[in-house]
Amino acid sequence: MNRKPTLILLLLLLFPGIHAQPGNEIDWEYEIDLLARELAAKHPGLLSVELQQVLAAMGDAQTQVNYHFLIDKFRILPLELYWFEDGIYVLETDKQYEPALGKKLTAVNGFPLDTVIDSLATLLDNNNQSVLKNSIPRMLTWYQLPEHFGFASKEKLTLTFSGSPEKTLHVALPCKPGELVTVQPPSLPLGWQDQKSYFRDHYFENEHIYYIQYNRC
């Protein structure tokens, strides 16, 4: 990976006033020191998101800015979302928001969900659809990200869910831990069973199938 063009782009994004004099070589040590000194003086949360957008646009899924530690746990929506084939649904939520349980999310503060997803997707490598479908539902619950992209303000969100008529849910921040309610299907698909273990396997003797479930590294 050629890091010099990337660094030039980051420096121009962060400090648009800097430039090399005509005919002069760029002093990389000076520019890197400048980046180190000035980065902390800027808005760290905003910059970390914008830096991640630059890396994602380069298509390098293995290089990322770890902005996750900046996510305020009291501004995480009390929702567990999952992206099924036909949309994103609520699988778990706080007891006070139980009417949203099992419902399909369609809008955030009046913005169509597809529009919000398009913005969040700029933080991810779009070449891998599995990464998008795995990451976007969690990112939707991090209030600071919809806020950064202009979909949220005033420490609250209005979520819209499909139905006849449509249902709306007003989530106020900060969020405090409460009693959780979960969708309880009559049975779980095999891949959803025992997801907390790192690894599980099972041999189905009648079908002569050896099943391996690798949940995490």
N, C-alpha and C. Protein backbone atom coordinates (compact mmCIF):
# COMPACT_ATOMS: atom_id res chain seq x y z
N MET A 1 0.85 -1.20 0.00
CA MET A 1 0.00 0.00 0.00
C MET A 1 0.88 1.24 0.00
N ASN A 2 0.68 2.15 -0.96
CA ASN A 2 1.45 3.37 -1.05
C ASN A 2 0.86 4.40 -0.10
N ARG A 3 1.57 4.74 0.99
CA ARG A 3 1.01 5.58 2.02
C ARG A 3 1.18 7.08 1.73
N LYS A 4 2.10 7.47 0.84
CA LYS A 4 2.33 8.89 0.61
C LYS A 4 1.13 9.59 0.01
N PRO A 5 0.50 9.05 -1.07
CA PRO A 5 -0.70 9.72 -1.58
C PRO A 5 -1.80 9.81 -0.54
N THR A 6 -1.93 8.76 0.29
CA THR A 6 -2.94 8.78 1.34
C THR A 6 -2.68 9.89 2.34
N LEU A 7 -1.41 10.01 2.75
CA LEU A 7 -1.05 11.03 3.73
C LEU A 7 -1.27 12.42 3.16
N ILE A 8 -0.94 12.61 1.87
CA ILE A 8 -1.18 13.91 1.24
C ILE A 8 -2.66 14.25 1.30
N LEU A 9 -3.51 13.27 0.96
CA LEU A 9 -4.95 13.50 0.97
C LEU A 9 -5.44 13.84 2.36
N LEU A 10 -4.96 13.12 3.39
CA LEU A 10 -5.37 13.38 4.76
C LEU A 10 -4.94 14.77 5.20
N LEU A 11 -3.70 15.14 4.86
CA LEU A 11 -3.21 16.46 5.24
C LEU A 11 -4.02 17.57 4.59
N LEU A 12 -4.39 17.37 3.31
CA LEU A 12 -5.18 18.38 2.62
C LEU A 12 -6.58 18.48 3.20
N LEU A 13 -7.12 17.34 3.62
CA LEU A 13 -8.44 17.34 4.23
C LEU A 13 -8.43 18.05 5.58
N LEU A 14 -7.38 17.79 6.36
CA LEU A 14 -7.32 18.31 7.73
C LEU A 14 -6.79 19.73 7.78
N PHE A 15 -5.80 20.02 6.94
CA PHE A 15 -5.15 21.32 6.97
C PHE A 15 -5.06 21.86 5.54
N PRO A 16 -6.16 22.37 4.99
CA PRO A 16 -6.18 22.77 3.58
C PRO A 16 -5.23 23.91 3.26
N GLY A 17 -4.72 24.62 4.28
CA GLY A 17 -3.84 25.73 4.03
C GLY A 17 -2.41 25.33 3.72
N ILE A 18 -2.02 24.10 3.97
CA ILE A 18 -0.63 23.71 3.77
C ILE A 18 -0.41 23.32 2.32
N HIS A 19 0.77 23.60 1.82
CA HIS A 19 1.13 23.19 0.47
C HIS A 19 2.63 23.30 0.31
N ALA A 20 3.16 22.55 -0.61
CA ALA A 20 4.59 22.60 -0.89
C ALA A 20 4.87 23.76 -1.84
N GLN A 21 6.00 24.43 -1.63
CA GLN A 21 6.40 25.49 -2.53
C GLN A 21 6.76 24.90 -3.89
N PRO A 22 6.51 25.64 -4.96
CA PRO A 22 6.85 25.12 -6.30
C PRO A 22 8.31 24.71 -6.38
N GLY A 23 8.53 23.51 -6.88
CA GLY A 23 9.89 23.02 -7.06
C GLY A 23 10.52 22.44 -5.82
N ASN A 24 9.82 22.50 -4.68
CA ASN A 24 10.39 21.97 -3.44
C ASN A 24 9.86 20.57 -3.16
N GLU A 25 10.69 19.76 -2.56
CA GLU A 25 10.25 18.45 -2.10
C GLU A 25 9.43 18.61 -0.83
N ILE A 26 8.45 17.74 -0.64
CA ILE A 26 7.66 17.76 0.59
C ILE A 26 8.51 17.24 1.74
N ASP A 27 8.53 17.97 2.83
CA ASP A 27 9.26 17.55 4.03
C ASP A 27 8.35 16.62 4.82
N TRP A 28 8.48 15.32 4.59
CA TRP A 28 7.56 14.35 5.18
C TRP A 28 7.65 14.32 6.71
N GLU A 29 8.84 14.45 7.25
CA GLU A 29 8.97 14.44 8.71
C GLU A 29 8.22 15.61 9.33
N TYR A 30 8.36 16.79 8.69
CA TYR A 30 7.65 17.96 9.19
C TYR A 30 6.13 17.78 9.09
N GLU A 31 5.67 17.28 7.93
CA GLU A 31 4.24 17.12 7.73
C GLU A 31 3.64 16.10 8.69
N ILE A 32 4.35 14.99 8.93
CA ILE A 32 3.86 13.97 9.86
C ILE A 32 3.83 14.52 11.27
N ASP A 33 4.87 15.29 11.65
CA ASP A 33 4.87 15.92 12.98
C ASP A 33 3.73 16.91 13.11
N LEU A 34 3.47 17.65 12.02
CA LEU A 34 2.35 18.60 12.03
C LEU A 34 1.03 17.87 12.25
N LEU A 35 0.86 16.75 11.54
CA LEU A 35 -0.35 15.96 11.70
C LEU A 35 -0.51 15.49 13.14
N ALA A 36 0.58 15.02 13.74
CA ALA A 36 0.53 14.51 15.11
C ALA A 36 0.19 15.62 16.10
N ARG A 37 0.75 16.84 15.86
CA ARG A 37 0.51 17.94 16.79
C ARG A 37 -0.90 18.49 16.69
N GLU A 38 -1.37 18.64 15.46
CA GLU A 38 -2.62 19.35 15.23
C GLU A 38 -3.86 18.48 15.30
N LEU A 39 -3.68 17.17 15.10
CA LEU A 39 -4.84 16.29 15.05
C LEU A 39 -5.64 16.35 16.33
N ALA A 40 -4.94 16.34 17.47
CA ALA A 40 -5.63 16.35 18.76
C ALA A 40 -6.36 17.67 19.00
N ALA A 41 -5.89 18.74 18.35
CA ALA A 41 -6.52 20.04 18.55
C ALA A 41 -7.81 20.17 17.77
N LYS A 42 -7.97 19.36 16.74
CA LYS A 42 -9.20 19.37 15.97
C LYS A 42 -10.23 18.50 16.67
N HIS A 43 -11.40 18.36 16.05
CA HIS A 43 -12.46 17.53 16.63
C HIS A 43 -12.13 16.06 16.40
N PRO A 44 -11.71 15.32 17.45
CA PRO A 44 -11.22 13.95 17.23
C PRO A 44 -12.28 13.00 16.70
N GLY A 45 -13.52 13.12 17.19
CA GLY A 45 -14.56 12.20 16.72
C GLY A 45 -14.88 12.40 15.26
N LEU A 46 -15.05 13.69 14.87
CA LEU A 46 -15.34 14.02 13.48
C LEU A 46 -14.21 13.57 12.57
N LEU A 47 -12.97 13.85 12.97
CA LEU A 47 -11.82 13.50 12.13
C LEU A 47 -11.67 12.01 11.97
N SER A 48 -11.90 11.27 13.04
CA SER A 48 -11.72 9.82 12.95
C SER A 48 -12.70 9.22 11.96
N VAL A 49 -13.93 9.74 11.92
CA VAL A 49 -14.92 9.25 10.96
C VAL A 49 -14.50 9.61 9.54
N GLU A 50 -14.03 10.83 9.35
CA GLU A 50 -13.63 11.25 8.01
C GLU A 50 -12.39 10.50 7.53
N LEU A 51 -11.46 10.20 8.45
CA LEU A 51 -10.29 9.41 8.07
C LEU A 51 -10.72 8.00 7.66
N GLN A 52 -11.69 7.43 8.37
CA GLN A 52 -12.18 6.10 8.01
C GLN A 52 -12.85 6.12 6.64
N GLN A 53 -13.53 7.21 6.31
CA GLN A 53 -14.14 7.32 4.98
C GLN A 53 -13.07 7.29 3.89
N VAL A 54 -11.95 7.96 4.14
CA VAL A 54 -10.86 7.97 3.16
C VAL A 54 -10.33 6.57 2.95
N LEU A 55 -10.10 5.84 4.05
CA LEU A 55 -9.57 4.48 3.94
C LEU A 55 -10.56 3.56 3.25
N ALA A 56 -11.85 3.70 3.58
CA ALA A 56 -12.86 2.84 2.96
C ALA A 56 -12.94 3.11 1.46
N ALA A 57 -12.79 4.37 1.06
CA ALA A 57 -12.85 4.71 -0.35
C ALA A 57 -11.69 4.11 -1.14
N MET A 58 -10.59 3.82 -0.44
CA MET A 58 -9.44 3.21 -1.09
C MET A 58 -9.64 1.71 -1.33
N GLY A 59 -10.69 1.15 -0.70
CA GLY A 59 -10.99 -0.26 -0.91
C GLY A 59 -10.12 -1.22 -0.13
N ASP A 60 -9.45 -0.71 0.92
CA ASP A 60 -8.59 -1.56 1.74
C ASP A 60 -9.34 -1.93 3.01
N ALA A 61 -9.97 -3.10 3.00
CA ALA A 61 -10.80 -3.52 4.14
C ALA A 61 -9.98 -3.87 5.36
N GLN A 62 -8.68 -4.10 5.18
CA GLN A 62 -7.83 -4.54 6.30
C GLN A 62 -7.23 -3.37 7.07
N THR A 63 -7.35 -2.15 6.55
CA THR A 63 -6.82 -0.98 7.24
C THR A 63 -7.98 -0.12 7.68
N GLN A 64 -8.07 0.14 8.99
CA GLN A 64 -9.21 0.89 9.52
C GLN A 64 -8.77 1.83 10.63
N VAL A 65 -9.55 2.89 10.81
CA VAL A 65 -9.37 3.79 11.95
C VAL A 65 -10.28 3.29 13.06
N ASN A 66 -9.72 3.05 14.22
CA ASN A 66 -10.51 2.55 15.34
C ASN A 66 -11.21 3.71 16.04
N TYR A 67 -12.36 4.13 15.47
CA TYR A 67 -13.14 5.21 16.07
C TYR A 67 -14.15 4.68 17.08
N HIS A 68 -14.23 3.37 17.23
CA HIS A 68 -15.28 2.78 18.06
C HIS A 68 -15.16 3.18 19.53
N PHE A 69 -13.92 3.43 20.00
CA PHE A 69 -13.76 3.78 21.40
C PHE A 69 -14.33 5.17 21.70
N LEU A 70 -14.63 5.95 20.66
CA LEU A 70 -15.23 7.27 20.84
C LEU A 70 -16.75 7.22 20.95
N ILE A 71 -17.33 6.04 20.71
CA ILE A 71 -18.79 5.90 20.80
C ILE A 71 -19.22 5.97 22.26
N ASP A 72 -20.10 6.89 22.56
CA ASP A 72 -20.61 7.08 23.93
C ASP A 72 -21.67 6.01 24.21
N LYS A 73 -21.42 5.17 25.20
CA LYS A 73 -22.34 4.06 25.49
C LYS A 73 -23.71 4.56 25.93
N PHE A 74 -23.79 5.78 26.46
CA PHE A 74 -25.09 6.32 26.86
C PHE A 74 -25.85 6.93 25.69
N ARG A 75 -25.22 6.90 24.51
CA ARG A 75 -25.89 7.41 23.30
C ARG A 75 -26.01 6.28 22.28
N ILE A 76 -26.01 5.07 22.76
CA ILE A 76 -26.28 3.91 21.91
C ILE A 76 -27.76 3.54 22.07
N LEU A 77 -28.47 3.48 20.98
CA LEU A 77 -29.90 3.19 21.05
C LEU A 77 -30.12 1.77 21.59
N PRO A 78 -31.12 1.57 22.45
CA PRO A 78 -31.37 0.26 23.05
C PRO A 78 -32.07 -0.68 22.08
N LEU A 79 -31.42 -0.93 20.96
CA LEU A 79 -32.00 -1.76 19.92
C LEU A 79 -30.96 -2.75 19.41
N GLU A 80 -31.35 -3.99 19.24
CA GLU A 80 -30.53 -4.94 18.50
C GLU A 80 -31.22 -5.17 17.16
N LEU A 81 -30.53 -4.79 16.09
CA LEU A 81 -31.10 -4.87 14.75
C LEU A 81 -30.42 -5.98 13.96
N TYR A 82 -31.17 -6.54 13.02
CA TYR A 82 -30.59 -7.57 12.14
C TYR A 82 -31.10 -7.34 10.72
N TRP A 83 -30.17 -7.45 9.77
CA TRP A 83 -30.50 -7.23 8.36
C TRP A 83 -30.87 -8.54 7.70
N PHE A 84 -32.18 -8.76 7.53
CA PHE A 84 -32.68 -9.94 6.83
C PHE A 84 -32.76 -9.63 5.33
N GLU A 85 -33.18 -10.60 4.56
CA GLU A 85 -33.23 -10.43 3.11
C GLU A 85 -34.13 -9.27 2.69
N ASP A 86 -35.22 -9.04 3.44
CA ASP A 86 -36.17 -8.01 3.03
C ASP A 86 -36.09 -6.74 3.86
N GLY A 87 -35.05 -6.61 4.70
CA GLY A 87 -34.91 -5.37 5.45
C GLY A 87 -34.31 -5.58 6.83
N ILE A 88 -34.24 -4.48 7.59
CA ILE A 88 -33.64 -4.47 8.92
C ILE A 88 -34.75 -4.48 9.98
N TYR A 89 -34.67 -5.45 10.88
CA TYR A 89 -35.71 -5.65 11.90
C TYR A 89 -35.14 -5.53 13.31
N VAL A 90 -36.04 -5.23 14.26
CA VAL A 90 -35.68 -5.15 15.68
C VAL A 90 -35.83 -6.52 16.32
N LEU A 91 -34.73 -7.06 16.83
CA LEU A 91 -34.77 -8.37 17.50
C LEU A 91 -34.80 -8.24 19.02
N GLU A 92 -34.30 -7.12 19.53
CA GLU A 92 -34.26 -6.93 20.98
C GLU A 92 -34.29 -5.44 21.28
N THR A 93 -34.96 -5.07 22.37
CA THR A 93 -35.03 -3.65 22.73
C THR A 93 -35.38 -3.52 24.20
N ASP A 94 -35.35 -2.29 24.68
CA ASP A 94 -35.76 -2.00 26.05
C ASP A 94 -37.27 -2.19 26.19
N LYS A 95 -37.70 -2.58 27.37
CA LYS A 95 -39.12 -2.85 27.62
C LYS A 95 -40.01 -1.68 27.22
N GLN A 96 -39.53 -0.45 27.43
CA GLN A 96 -40.38 0.72 27.12
C GLN A 96 -40.60 0.90 25.61
N TYR A 97 -39.76 0.25 24.80
CA TYR A 97 -39.90 0.35 23.35
C TYR A 97 -40.41 -0.96 22.75
N GLU A 98 -41.07 -1.75 23.53
CA GLU A 98 -41.53 -3.07 23.10
C GLU A 98 -42.39 -3.05 21.83
N PRO A 99 -43.19 -1.99 21.58
CA PRO A 99 -43.98 -1.99 20.34
C PRO A 99 -43.13 -2.11 19.07
N ALA A 100 -41.84 -1.79 19.16
CA ALA A 100 -40.97 -1.89 17.98
C ALA A 100 -40.43 -3.30 17.77
N LEU A 101 -40.62 -4.17 18.73
CA LEU A 101 -40.04 -5.51 18.67
C LEU A 101 -40.60 -6.29 17.47
N GLY A 102 -39.69 -6.83 16.67
CA GLY A 102 -40.09 -7.60 15.51
C GLY A 102 -40.50 -6.78 14.30
N LYS A 103 -40.40 -5.45 14.42
CA LYS A 103 -40.84 -4.58 13.32
C LYS A 103 -39.67 -4.23 12.39
N LYS A 104 -40.03 -3.90 11.16
CA LYS A 104 -39.05 -3.53 10.13
C LYS A 104 -38.82 -2.03 10.14
N LEU A 105 -37.56 -1.61 10.30
CA LEU A 105 -37.20 -0.20 10.32
C LEU A 105 -37.22 0.37 8.90
N THR A 106 -37.88 1.53 8.72
CA THR A 106 -38.00 2.11 7.37
C THR A 106 -37.46 3.53 7.27
N ALA A 107 -37.34 4.25 8.39
CA ALA A 107 -36.87 5.64 8.32
C ALA A 107 -36.28 6.06 9.65
N VAL A 108 -35.37 7.04 9.58
CA VAL A 108 -34.74 7.63 10.77
C VAL A 108 -34.94 9.14 10.70
N ASN A 109 -35.69 9.68 11.65
CA ASN A 109 -36.02 11.12 11.66
C ASN A 109 -36.61 11.58 10.33
N GLY A 110 -37.39 10.73 9.71
CA GLY A 110 -38.04 11.08 8.45
C GLY A 110 -37.20 10.81 7.22
N PHE A 111 -35.93 10.47 7.39
CA PHE A 111 -35.07 10.14 6.25
C PHE A 111 -35.24 8.66 5.91
N PRO A 112 -35.47 8.34 4.64
CA PRO A 112 -35.61 6.92 4.26
C PRO A 112 -34.39 6.13 4.71
N LEU A 113 -34.61 4.92 5.18
CA LEU A 113 -33.52 4.11 5.71
C LEU A 113 -32.42 3.90 4.67
N ASP A 114 -32.78 3.73 3.41
CA ASP A 114 -31.77 3.52 2.37
C ASP A 114 -30.82 4.71 2.28
N THR A 115 -31.35 5.92 2.49
CA THR A 115 -30.50 7.12 2.46
C THR A 115 -29.50 7.11 3.61
N VAL A 116 -29.96 6.73 4.79
CA VAL A 116 -29.08 6.65 5.96
C VAL A 116 -28.02 5.57 5.75
N ILE A 117 -28.43 4.44 5.23
CA ILE A 117 -27.50 3.33 4.98
C ILE A 117 -26.42 3.75 3.99
N ASP A 118 -26.81 4.48 2.94
CA ASP A 118 -25.83 4.93 1.94
C ASP A 118 -24.73 5.76 2.59
N SER A 119 -25.08 6.60 3.55
CA SER A 119 -24.07 7.42 4.23
C SER A 119 -23.19 6.57 5.14
N LEU A 120 -23.80 5.70 5.93
CA LEU A 120 -23.02 4.84 6.82
C LEU A 120 -22.09 3.92 6.04
N ALA A 121 -22.52 3.51 4.85
CA ALA A 121 -21.72 2.59 4.04
C ALA A 121 -20.42 3.21 3.57
N THR A 122 -20.32 4.56 3.61
CA THR A 122 -19.06 5.20 3.22
C THR A 122 -17.94 4.91 4.20
N LEU A 123 -18.28 4.35 5.36
CA LEU A 123 -17.28 4.00 6.36
C LEU A 123 -16.79 2.56 6.20
N LEU A 124 -17.33 1.86 5.22
CA LEU A 124 -17.02 0.45 5.04
C LEU A 124 -16.57 0.18 3.61
N ASP A 125 -15.89 -0.94 3.44
CA ASP A 125 -15.48 -1.37 2.11
C ASP A 125 -16.70 -1.94 1.39
N ASN A 126 -17.18 -1.23 0.38
CA ASN A 126 -18.42 -1.64 -0.31
C ASN A 126 -18.25 -2.87 -1.16
N ASN A 127 -17.03 -3.37 -1.29
CA ASN A 127 -16.81 -4.57 -2.10
C ASN A 127 -17.29 -5.83 -1.40
N ASN A 128 -17.55 -5.73 -0.11
CA ASN A 128 -17.96 -6.91 0.66
C ASN A 128 -19.35 -6.68 1.23
N GLN A 129 -20.38 -7.20 0.58
CA GLN A 129 -21.76 -7.00 1.02
C GLN A 129 -22.03 -7.66 2.37
N SER A 130 -21.32 -8.74 2.68
CA SER A 130 -21.51 -9.39 3.98
C SER A 130 -21.08 -8.48 5.11
N VAL A 131 -20.00 -7.73 4.91
CA VAL A 131 -19.54 -6.78 5.92
C VAL A 131 -20.58 -5.68 6.12
N LEU A 132 -21.13 -5.19 5.02
CA LEU A 132 -22.16 -4.15 5.12
C LEU A 132 -23.36 -4.64 5.92
N LYS A 133 -23.86 -5.81 5.58
CA LYS A 133 -25.07 -6.31 6.24
C LYS A 133 -24.82 -6.69 7.70
N ASN A 134 -23.59 -7.01 8.02
CA ASN A 134 -23.25 -7.34 9.40
C ASN A 134 -23.02 -6.08 10.24
N SER A 135 -22.45 -5.04 9.62
CA SER A 135 -22.03 -3.85 10.37
C SER A 135 -23.09 -2.76 10.45
N ILE A 136 -23.82 -2.53 9.37
CA ILE A 136 -24.76 -1.41 9.32
C ILE A 136 -25.80 -1.45 10.44
N PRO A 137 -26.44 -2.59 10.75
CA PRO A 137 -27.44 -2.58 11.83
C PRO A 137 -26.87 -2.08 13.15
N ARG A 138 -25.65 -2.45 13.48
CA ARG A 138 -25.03 -1.99 14.72
C ARG A 138 -24.70 -0.49 14.63
N MET A 139 -24.21 -0.05 13.47
CA MET A 139 -23.86 1.36 13.30
C MET A 139 -25.08 2.26 13.39
N LEU A 140 -26.24 1.76 12.98
CA LEU A 140 -27.47 2.55 13.09
C LEU A 140 -27.82 2.90 14.52
N THR A 141 -27.39 2.09 15.46
CA THR A 141 -27.72 2.33 16.87
C THR A 141 -26.72 3.26 17.55
N TRP A 142 -25.62 3.57 16.90
CA TRP A 142 -24.64 4.51 17.45
C TRP A 142 -25.07 5.92 17.07
N TYR A 143 -25.77 6.59 17.96
CA TYR A 143 -26.38 7.88 17.67
C TYR A 143 -25.40 8.86 17.03
N GLN A 144 -24.14 8.82 17.44
CA GLN A 144 -23.17 9.79 16.94
C GLN A 144 -22.94 9.70 15.43
N LEU A 145 -23.15 8.51 14.85
CA LEU A 145 -22.95 8.38 13.40
C LEU A 145 -24.11 9.01 12.62
N PRO A 146 -25.38 8.67 12.91
CA PRO A 146 -26.47 9.40 12.23
C PRO A 146 -26.38 10.91 12.47
N GLU A 147 -25.94 11.29 13.67
CA GLU A 147 -25.78 12.71 13.98
C GLU A 147 -24.71 13.34 13.08
N HIS A 148 -23.59 12.66 12.92
CA HIS A 148 -22.50 13.16 12.08
C HIS A 148 -22.94 13.40 10.64
N PHE A 149 -23.77 12.50 10.13
CA PHE A 149 -24.22 12.61 8.74
C PHE A 149 -25.47 13.49 8.57
N GLY A 150 -25.92 14.10 9.66
CA GLY A 150 -27.02 15.04 9.55
C GLY A 150 -28.40 14.45 9.67
N PHE A 151 -28.51 13.22 10.15
CA PHE A 151 -29.82 12.58 10.28
C PHE A 151 -30.39 12.68 11.69
N ALA A 152 -29.66 13.27 12.63
CA ALA A 152 -30.12 13.33 14.01
C ALA A 152 -29.66 14.63 14.65
N SER A 153 -30.44 15.10 15.61
CA SER A 153 -30.09 16.30 16.37
C SER A 153 -30.95 16.34 17.62
N LYS A 154 -30.56 17.20 18.55
CA LYS A 154 -31.33 17.44 19.77
C LYS A 154 -31.48 16.20 20.63
N GLU A 155 -30.51 15.29 20.53
CA GLU A 155 -30.44 14.15 21.45
C GLU A 155 -31.69 13.28 21.44
N LYS A 156 -32.31 13.14 20.29
CA LYS A 156 -33.42 12.21 20.20
C LYS A 156 -33.57 11.76 18.75
N LEU A 157 -34.19 10.59 18.59
CA LEU A 157 -34.45 10.05 17.27
C LEU A 157 -35.90 9.62 17.17
N THR A 158 -36.47 9.84 16.00
CA THR A 158 -37.78 9.29 15.70
C THR A 158 -37.59 8.20 14.66
N LEU A 159 -37.90 6.97 15.03
CA LEU A 159 -37.74 5.83 14.15
C LEU A 159 -39.12 5.43 13.60
N THR A 160 -39.15 5.10 12.33
CA THR A 160 -40.40 4.70 11.69
C THR A 160 -40.32 3.24 11.29
N PHE A 161 -41.39 2.51 11.55
CA PHE A 161 -41.43 1.08 11.25
C PHE A 161 -42.60 0.78 10.32
N SER A 162 -42.43 -0.24 9.50
CA SER A 162 -43.48 -0.60 8.54
C SER A 162 -44.71 -1.12 9.26
N GLY A 163 -45.82 -0.96 8.66
CA GLY A 163 -47.08 -1.42 9.23
C GLY A 163 -48.22 -0.68 8.57
N SER A 164 -49.41 -1.03 8.93
CA SER A 164 -50.58 -0.37 8.38
C SER A 164 -51.52 0.00 9.54
N PRO A 165 -51.41 1.25 10.06
CA PRO A 165 -50.55 2.33 9.57
C PRO A 165 -49.11 2.15 10.07
N GLU A 166 -48.20 3.00 9.56
CA GLU A 166 -46.81 2.97 10.03
C GLU A 166 -46.75 3.33 11.50
N LYS A 167 -45.77 2.76 12.18
CA LYS A 167 -45.58 3.04 13.60
C LYS A 167 -44.33 3.89 13.79
N THR A 168 -44.36 4.81 14.74
CA THR A 168 -43.20 5.64 15.05
C THR A 168 -42.78 5.41 16.49
N LEU A 169 -41.49 5.57 16.73
CA LEU A 169 -40.93 5.37 18.06
C LEU A 169 -39.97 6.52 18.34
N HIS A 170 -40.15 7.19 19.47
CA HIS A 170 -39.30 8.31 19.86
C HIS A 170 -38.32 7.82 20.93
N VAL A 171 -37.03 7.88 20.60
CA VAL A 171 -35.99 7.43 21.53
C VAL A 171 -35.25 8.66 22.04
N ALA A 172 -35.27 8.86 23.36
CA ALA A 172 -34.60 10.00 23.97
C ALA A 172 -33.25 9.56 24.54
N LEU A 173 -32.29 10.46 24.51
CA LEU A 173 -30.97 10.21 25.06
C LEU A 173 -30.75 11.10 26.28
N PRO A 174 -29.86 10.69 27.20
CA PRO A 174 -29.07 9.45 27.18
C PRO A 174 -29.91 8.22 27.47
N CYS A 175 -29.41 7.08 27.02
CA CYS A 175 -30.09 5.82 27.23
C CYS A 175 -29.52 5.13 28.47
N LYS A 176 -30.39 4.68 29.33
CA LYS A 176 -29.96 3.97 30.53
C LYS A 176 -30.40 2.51 30.43
N PRO A 177 -29.56 1.59 30.93
CA PRO A 177 -29.91 0.16 30.85
C PRO A 177 -31.23 -0.12 31.53
N GLY A 178 -32.05 -0.93 30.89
CA GLY A 178 -33.34 -1.30 31.45
C GLY A 178 -33.64 -2.76 31.16
N GLU A 179 -34.87 -3.15 31.40
CA GLU A 179 -35.28 -4.53 31.12
C GLU A 179 -35.39 -4.74 29.62
N LEU A 180 -34.78 -5.81 29.13
CA LEU A 180 -34.77 -6.09 27.71
C LEU A 180 -35.84 -7.11 27.34
N VAL A 181 -36.44 -6.92 26.18
CA VAL A 181 -37.38 -7.90 25.64
C VAL A 181 -36.84 -8.35 24.29
N THR A 182 -37.04 -9.63 23.96
CA THR A 182 -36.44 -10.23 22.78
C THR A 182 -37.49 -10.98 21.98
N VAL A 183 -37.32 -10.96 20.66
CA VAL A 183 -38.17 -11.78 19.79
C VAL A 183 -37.96 -13.24 20.15
N GLN A 184 -39.04 -13.97 20.32
CA GLN A 184 -38.96 -15.38 20.71
C GLN A 184 -39.58 -16.25 19.62
N PRO A 185 -38.81 -16.62 18.60
CA PRO A 185 -39.36 -17.48 17.54
C PRO A 185 -39.55 -18.90 18.06
N PRO A 186 -40.43 -19.68 17.44
CA PRO A 186 -40.65 -21.06 17.89
C PRO A 186 -39.41 -21.94 17.77
N SER A 187 -38.54 -21.61 16.82
CA SER A 187 -37.29 -22.36 16.68
C SER A 187 -36.25 -21.45 16.04
N LEU A 188 -34.98 -21.78 16.27
CA LEU A 188 -33.89 -20.99 15.73
C LEU A 188 -33.17 -21.75 14.62
N PRO A 189 -32.80 -21.06 13.53
CA PRO A 189 -31.97 -21.71 12.52
C PRO A 189 -30.67 -22.20 13.14
N LEU A 190 -30.08 -23.19 12.56
CA LEU A 190 -28.88 -23.80 13.11
C LEU A 190 -27.77 -22.78 13.33
N GLY A 191 -27.58 -21.87 12.38
CA GLY A 191 -26.51 -20.90 12.50
C GLY A 191 -26.71 -19.87 13.59
N TRP A 192 -27.92 -19.78 14.14
CA TRP A 192 -28.21 -18.82 15.21
C TRP A 192 -28.11 -19.45 16.59
N GLN A 193 -27.89 -20.72 16.64
CA GLN A 193 -27.81 -21.41 17.93
C GLN A 193 -26.40 -21.32 18.50
N ASP A 194 -26.31 -21.10 19.79
CA ASP A 194 -25.03 -21.09 20.50
C ASP A 194 -24.02 -20.17 19.81
N GLN A 195 -24.39 -18.91 19.63
CA GLN A 195 -23.49 -17.96 18.97
C GLN A 195 -22.43 -17.40 19.91
N LYS A 196 -22.56 -17.66 21.22
CA LYS A 196 -21.59 -17.11 22.16
C LYS A 196 -20.29 -17.90 22.19
N SER A 197 -20.34 -19.17 21.81
CA SER A 197 -19.11 -19.96 21.80
C SER A 197 -18.28 -19.56 20.58
N TYR A 198 -16.97 -19.73 20.69
CA TYR A 198 -16.08 -19.39 19.58
C TYR A 198 -16.24 -20.37 18.42
N PHE A 199 -16.50 -21.61 18.76
CA PHE A 199 -16.49 -22.66 17.75
C PHE A 199 -17.39 -23.79 18.21
N ARG A 200 -18.16 -24.35 17.31
CA ARG A 200 -18.96 -25.53 17.64
C ARG A 200 -19.08 -26.41 16.41
N ASP A 201 -19.28 -27.70 16.63
CA ASP A 201 -19.44 -28.61 15.50
C ASP A 201 -20.45 -29.71 15.87
N HIS A 202 -20.99 -30.32 14.86
CA HIS A 202 -21.97 -31.38 15.09
C HIS A 202 -22.02 -32.28 13.86
N TYR A 203 -22.13 -33.57 14.10
CA TYR A 203 -22.24 -34.52 12.99
C TYR A 203 -23.67 -35.02 12.90
N PHE A 204 -24.29 -34.80 11.74
CA PHE A 204 -25.65 -35.27 11.49
C PHE A 204 -25.54 -36.65 10.82
N GLU A 205 -25.72 -37.66 11.63
CA GLU A 205 -25.44 -39.02 11.17
C GLU A 205 -26.36 -39.44 10.03
N ASN A 206 -27.63 -39.11 10.11
CA ASN A 206 -28.58 -39.55 9.08
C ASN A 206 -28.26 -38.93 7.71
N GLU A 207 -27.82 -37.66 7.72
CA GLU A 207 -27.51 -36.97 6.46
C GLU A 207 -26.05 -37.10 6.06
N HIS A 208 -25.23 -37.68 6.96
CA HIS A 208 -23.78 -37.79 6.73
C HIS A 208 -23.17 -36.41 6.48
N ILE A 209 -23.56 -35.47 7.34
CA ILE A 209 -23.07 -34.10 7.22
C ILE A 209 -22.33 -33.71 8.50
N TYR A 210 -21.14 -33.20 8.33
CA TYR A 210 -20.37 -32.67 9.46
C TYR A 210 -20.50 -31.15 9.43
N TYR A 211 -21.16 -30.59 10.44
CA TYR A 211 -21.46 -29.16 10.51
C TYR A 211 -20.44 -28.46 11.40
N ILE A 212 -19.85 -27.38 10.90
CA ILE A 212 -18.89 -26.59 11.66
C ILE A 212 -19.38 -25.15 11.72
N GLN A 213 -19.46 -24.59 12.90
CA GLN A 213 -19.87 -23.21 13.08
C GLN A 213 -18.72 -22.44 13.74
N TYR A 214 -18.14 -21.53 12.97
CA TYR A 214 -16.99 -20.74 13.44
C TYR A 214 -17.49 -19.33 13.68
N ASN A 215 -17.74 -18.98 14.95
CA ASN A 215 -18.38 -17.71 15.29
C ASN A 215 -17.45 -16.52 15.30
N ARG A 216 -16.22 -16.72 15.78
CA ARG A 216 -15.31 -15.58 15.91
C ARG A 216 -13.87 -16.05 16.05
N CYS A 217 -12.96 -15.13 15.81
CA CYS A 217 -11.54 -15.44 15.97
C CYS A 217 -11.16 -15.32 17.45
